[in-house]
Amino acid sequence: MRKIKVVMVTVAFVMN
């Protein structure tokens, strides 16, 4: 699902 990919990218960006 695209939403999951967006969430993973967002989480990775925030964790950075």
C-alpha atoms as a PDB file:
ATOM      1  CA  MET A   1       0.000   0.000   0.000  1.00  0.00           C
ATOM      2  CA  ARG A   2       1.260   3.472  -0.801  1.00  0.00           C
ATOM      3  CA  LYS A   3       0.121   4.854   2.544  1.00  0.00           C
ATOM      4  CA  ILE A   4       2.465   2.479   4.360  1.00  0.00           C
ATOM      5  CA  LYS A   5       5.372   3.622   2.206  1.00  0.00           C
ATOM      6  CA  VAL A   6       4.544   7.269   2.904  1.00  0.00           C
ATOM      7  CA  VAL A   7       4.358   6.558   6.635  1.00  0.00           C
ATOM      8  CA  MET A   8       7.716   4.764   6.580  1.00  0.00           C
ATOM      9  CA  VAL A   9       9.321   7.661   4.712  1.00  0.00           C
ATOM     10  CA  THR A  10       7.800  10.177   7.115  1.00  0.00           C
ATOM     11  CA  VAL A  11       8.964   8.229  10.167  1.00  0.00           C
ATOM     12  CA  ALA A  12      12.447   7.883   8.707  1.00  0.00           C
ATOM     13  CA  PHE A  13      12.553  11.614   7.976  1.00  0.00           C
ATOM     14  CA  VAL A  14      11.405  12.502  11.514  1.00  0.00           C
ATOM     15  CA  MET A  15      13.864  10.055  13.102  1.00  0.00           C
ATOM     16  CA  ASN A  16      16.645  11.713  11.108  1.00  0.00           C
END
